[in-house]
Amino acid sequence: MEGVLWYLLASSRGGPTRVRLVRAIEARPRNANQLASALDLDYTTVRHHLDVLLENNVVRRAGGDYGAVYLFTEQAKSNWGTVEEIVETVDRDATGEPGDGPDGVGDGATGTGDEAGGTEDGTGGTGDEAGGAGDP
């Protein structure tokens, strides 16, 4: 699980967005719409990254399909030290200093530069989709 976490949160192009989602869910379980609003991200971007986290057993849904909130799996909880280490590393790489944004939901950036229409500076989206310029 440790290797999967490093890949999903630090090594892949969507990692910084997924770190923001992890922080937001850690602060308070929320549904996809609430996460999109809190992080100022497009709903489809949030759903894409949540699906990646679901497929890799990092988060699970609680409740019905519509409005289901996202929680961490037991496997993610048992590797929480690794998650925290990754979040600190991603923060340090992004800002040059460790730390997180207000209310533990990120640094206010909107996107990772790997989304549809994304750019290297992270102003555009998740880039796992077509059209994203992504990381250099």
C-alpha atoms as a PDB file:
ATOM      1  CA  MET A   1       0.000   0.000   0.000  1.00  0.00           C
ATOM      2  CA  GLU A   2       2.881   2.362   0.737  1.00  0.00           C
ATOM      3  CA  GLY A   3       4.091   2.283  -2.878  1.00  0.00           C
ATOM      4  CA  VAL A   4       0.562   2.849  -4.172  1.00  0.00           C
ATOM      5  CA  LEU A   5       0.152   5.867  -1.891  1.00  0.00           C
ATOM      6  CA  TRP A   6       3.435   7.396  -3.048  1.00  0.00           C
ATOM      7  CA  TYR A   7       2.459   6.888  -6.670  1.00  0.00           C
ATOM      8  CA  LEU A   8      -1.097   8.227  -6.311  1.00  0.00           C
ATOM      9  CA  LEU A   9      -0.241  11.238  -4.168  1.00  0.00           C
ATOM     10  CA  ALA A  10       3.305  12.221  -5.096  1.00  0.00           C
ATOM     11  CA  SER A  11       4.494  10.629  -8.329  1.00  0.00           C
ATOM     12  CA  SER A  12       1.568  10.842 -10.729  1.00  0.00           C
ATOM     13  CA  ARG A  13       0.437  14.028 -12.443  1.00  0.00           C
ATOM     14  CA  GLY A  14      -2.824  14.113 -10.481  1.00  0.00           C
ATOM     15  CA  GLY A  15      -1.051  13.708  -7.144  1.00  0.00           C
ATOM     16  CA  PRO A  16      -1.289  17.306  -5.916  1.00  0.00           C
ATOM     17  CA  THR A  17      -5.044  17.380  -6.546  1.00  0.00           C
ATOM     18  CA  ARG A  18      -5.467  14.062  -4.755  1.00  0.00           C
ATOM     19  CA  VAL A  19      -3.432  15.413  -1.815  1.00  0.00           C
ATOM     20  CA  ARG A  20      -5.864  18.327  -1.603  1.00  0.00           C
ATOM     21  CA  LEU A  21      -8.777  15.876  -1.579  1.00  0.00           C
ATOM     22  CA  VAL A  22      -7.124  13.784   1.130  1.00  0.00           C
ATOM     23  CA  ARG A  23      -6.637  16.881   3.276  1.00  0.00           C
ATOM     24  CA  ALA A  24     -10.247  17.956   2.802  1.00  0.00           C
ATOM     25  CA  ILE A  25     -11.623  14.501   3.640  1.00  0.00           C
ATOM     26  CA  GLU A  26      -9.361  14.322   6.672  1.00  0.00           C
ATOM     27  CA  ALA A  27     -10.766  17.640   7.903  1.00  0.00           C
ATOM     28  CA  ARG A  28     -14.370  16.483   7.396  1.00  0.00           C
ATOM     29  CA  PRO A  29     -15.994  13.707   5.366  1.00  0.00           C
ATOM     30  CA  ARG A  30     -17.847  15.278   2.443  1.00  0.00           C
ATOM     31  CA  ASN A  31     -19.534  14.326  -0.796  1.00  0.00           C
ATOM     32  CA  ALA A  32     -18.064  15.081  -4.219  1.00  0.00           C
ATOM     33  CA  ASN A  33     -20.050  18.286  -4.665  1.00  0.00           C
ATOM     34  CA  GLN A  34     -18.973  19.619  -1.261  1.00  0.00           C
ATOM     35  CA  LEU A  35     -15.360  18.746  -2.028  1.00  0.00           C
ATOM     36  CA  ALA A  36     -15.544  20.502  -5.401  1.00  0.00           C
ATOM     37  CA  SER A  37     -16.924  23.648  -3.748  1.00  0.00           C
ATOM     38  CA  ALA A  38     -14.470  23.601  -0.844  1.00  0.00           C
ATOM     39  CA  LEU A  39     -11.465  23.155  -3.140  1.00  0.00           C
ATOM     40  CA  ASP A  40     -12.737  25.354  -5.979  1.00  0.00           C
ATOM     41  CA  LEU A  41     -12.388  22.485  -8.457  1.00  0.00           C
ATOM     42  CA  ASP A  42     -14.686  21.270 -11.199  1.00  0.00           C
ATOM     43  CA  TYR A  43     -17.038  18.529 -10.040  1.00  0.00           C
ATOM     44  CA  THR A  44     -15.928  16.131 -12.797  1.00  0.00           C
ATOM     45  CA  THR A  45     -12.294  16.654 -11.808  1.00  0.00           C
ATOM     46  CA  VAL A  46     -13.121  15.792  -8.196  1.00  0.00           C
ATOM     47  CA  ARG A  47     -15.088  12.710  -9.259  1.00  0.00           C
ATOM     48  CA  HIS A  48     -12.219  11.522 -11.447  1.00  0.00           C
ATOM     49  CA  HIS A  49      -9.713  11.759  -8.594  1.00  0.00           C
ATOM     50  CA  LEU A  50     -12.115  10.218  -6.093  1.00  0.00           C
ATOM     51  CA  ASP A  51     -12.632   7.317  -8.503  1.00  0.00           C
ATOM     52  CA  VAL A  52      -8.854   6.828  -8.682  1.00  0.00           C
ATOM     53  CA  LEU A  53      -8.657   6.840  -4.878  1.00  0.00           C
ATOM     54  CA  LEU A  54     -11.623   4.414  -4.688  1.00  0.00           C
ATOM     55  CA  GLU A  55     -10.076   2.021  -7.205  1.00  0.00           C
ATOM     56  CA  ASN A  56      -6.861   1.966  -5.168  1.00  0.00           C
ATOM     57  CA  ASN A  57      -8.580   1.384  -1.815  1.00  0.00           C
ATOM     58  CA  VAL A  58      -7.646   4.738  -0.304  1.00  0.00           C
ATOM     59  CA  VAL A  59     -11.196   6.004   0.185  1.00  0.00           C
ATOM     60  CA  ARG A  60     -14.638   4.422   0.350  1.00  0.00           C
ATOM     61  CA  ARG A  61     -18.144   5.819  -0.047  1.00  0.00           C
ATOM     62  CA  ALA A  62     -20.648   5.873   2.782  1.00  0.00           C
ATOM     63  CA  GLY A  63     -24.332   6.314   2.043  1.00  0.00           C
ATOM     64  CA  GLY A  64     -26.236   6.020  -1.211  1.00  0.00           C
ATOM     65  CA  ASP A  65     -24.821   6.835  -4.608  1.00  0.00           C
ATOM     66  CA  TYR A  66     -26.240  10.348  -4.656  1.00  0.00           C
ATOM     67  CA  GLY A  67     -24.639  12.489  -1.981  1.00  0.00           C
ATOM     68  CA  ALA A  68     -22.418   9.694  -0.646  1.00  0.00           C
ATOM     69  CA  VAL A  69     -19.638  10.986   1.591  1.00  0.00           C
ATOM     70  CA  TYR A  70     -16.068   9.815   1.245  1.00  0.00           C
ATOM     71  CA  LEU A  71     -14.156   8.268   4.128  1.00  0.00           C
ATOM     72  CA  PHE A  72     -10.746   6.638   4.370  1.00  0.00           C
ATOM     73  CA  THR A  73     -10.508   2.865   4.161  1.00  0.00           C
ATOM     74  CA  GLU A  74      -9.063   0.842   7.006  1.00  0.00           C
ATOM     75  CA  GLN A  75      -6.057   0.144   4.794  1.00  0.00           C
ATOM     76  CA  ALA A  76      -5.420   3.875   4.330  1.00  0.00           C
ATOM     77  CA  LYS A  77      -5.878   4.488   8.063  1.00  0.00           C
ATOM     78  CA  SER A  78      -3.349   1.773   8.889  1.00  0.00           C
ATOM     79  CA  ASN A  79      -0.836   3.559   6.621  1.00  0.00           C
ATOM     80  CA  TRP A  80      -1.668   7.062   7.840  1.00  0.00           C
ATOM     81  CA  GLY A  81       1.938   7.819   8.787  1.00  0.00           C
ATOM     82  CA  THR A  82       2.894   7.340   5.147  1.00  0.00           C
ATOM     83  CA  VAL A  83      -0.002   9.541   4.002  1.00  0.00           C
ATOM     84  CA  GLU A  84       1.152  12.347   6.314  1.00  0.00           C
ATOM     85  CA  GLU A  85       4.739  11.999   5.098  1.00  0.00           C
ATOM     86  CA  ILE A  86       3.584  12.234   1.481  1.00  0.00           C
ATOM     87  CA  VAL A  87       1.389  15.278   2.161  1.00  0.00           C
ATOM     88  CA  GLU A  88       4.322  17.062   3.820  1.00  0.00           C
ATOM     89  CA  THR A  89       6.603  16.155   0.906  1.00  0.00           C
ATOM     90  CA  VAL A  90       4.118  17.398  -1.697  1.00  0.00           C
ATOM     91  CA  ASP A  91       3.595  20.630   0.284  1.00  0.00           C
ATOM     92  CA  ARG A  92       7.327  21.170   0.591  1.00  0.00           C
ATOM     93  CA  ASP A  93       7.865  20.511  -3.123  1.00  0.00           C
ATOM     94  CA  ALA A  94       5.059  22.892  -4.078  1.00  0.00           C
ATOM     95  CA  THR A  95       5.893  25.759  -1.747  1.00  0.00           C
ATOM     96  CA  GLY A  96       9.421  25.187  -0.555  1.00  0.00           C
ATOM     97  CA  GLU A  97       8.042  24.902   2.983  1.00  0.00           C
ATOM     98  CA  PRO A  98       6.025  22.270   4.820  1.00  0.00           C
ATOM     99  CA  GLY A  99       2.467  23.097   5.824  1.00  0.00           C
ATOM    100  CA  ASP A 100      -1.049  23.133   4.567  1.00  0.00           C
ATOM    101  CA  GLY A 101      -3.657  25.674   3.741  1.00  0.00           C
ATOM    102  CA  PRO A 102      -6.558  27.004   5.744  1.00  0.00           C
ATOM    103  CA  ASP A 103      -8.686  24.376   7.467  1.00  0.00           C
ATOM    104  CA  GLY A 104      -6.390  21.656   6.169  1.00  0.00           C
ATOM    105  CA  VAL A 105      -7.905  21.778   2.691  1.00  0.00           C
ATOM    106  CA  GLY A 106      -4.986  22.927   0.619  1.00  0.00           C
ATOM    107  CA  ASP A 107      -3.042  25.958  -0.348  1.00  0.00           C
ATOM    108  CA  GLY A 108      -5.738  27.646  -2.406  1.00  0.00           C
ATOM    109  CA  ALA A 109      -4.379  26.496  -5.767  1.00  0.00           C
ATOM    110  CA  THR A 110      -6.997  25.424  -8.248  1.00  0.00           C
ATOM    111  CA  GLY A 111      -5.806  22.416 -10.168  1.00  0.00           C
ATOM    112  CA  THR A 112      -2.588  20.613 -10.857  1.00  0.00           C
ATOM    113  CA  GLY A 113      -1.812  21.408 -14.453  1.00  0.00           C
ATOM    114  CA  ASP A 114      -2.666  17.923 -15.517  1.00  0.00           C
ATOM    115  CA  GLU A 115      -6.363  18.371 -16.185  1.00  0.00           C
ATOM    116  CA  ALA A 116      -8.145  18.965 -19.439  1.00  0.00           C
ATOM    117  CA  GLY A 117      -6.802  22.240 -20.709  1.00  0.00           C
ATOM    118  CA  GLY A 118      -4.317  22.361 -17.842  1.00  0.00           C
ATOM    119  CA  THR A 119      -1.003  24.138 -17.940  1.00  0.00           C
ATOM    120  CA  GLU A 120       2.328  23.577 -16.256  1.00  0.00           C
ATOM    121  CA  ASP A 121       1.569  26.139 -13.569  1.00  0.00           C
ATOM    122  CA  GLY A 122      -1.428  24.177 -12.328  1.00  0.00           C
ATOM    123  CA  THR A 123      -4.096  26.662 -13.307  1.00  0.00           C
ATOM    124  CA  GLY A 124      -6.154  24.429 -15.489  1.00  0.00           C
ATOM    125  CA  GLY A 125      -7.395  21.090 -14.272  1.00  0.00           C
ATOM    126  CA  THR A 126      -6.326  17.321 -13.967  1.00  0.00           C
ATOM    127  CA  GLY A 127      -4.494  16.443 -17.279  1.00  0.00           C
ATOM    128  CA  ASP A 128      -5.225  12.821 -16.825  1.00  0.00           C
ATOM    129  CA  GLU A 129      -7.833  13.739 -19.409  1.00  0.00           C
ATOM    130  CA  ALA A 130      -7.224  14.744 -23.016  1.00  0.00           C
ATOM    131  CA  GLY A 131      -5.966  18.232 -23.681  1.00  0.00           C
ATOM    132  CA  GLY A 132      -4.011  18.740 -20.479  1.00  0.00           C
ATOM    133  CA  ALA A 133      -0.481  20.007 -20.874  1.00  0.00           C
ATOM    134  CA  GLY A 134       0.473  18.417 -17.591  1.00  0.00           C
ATOM    135  CA  ASP A 135       3.884  18.486 -16.000  1.00  0.00           C
ATOM    136  CA  PRO A 136       6.949  19.165 -18.139  1.00  0.00           C
END
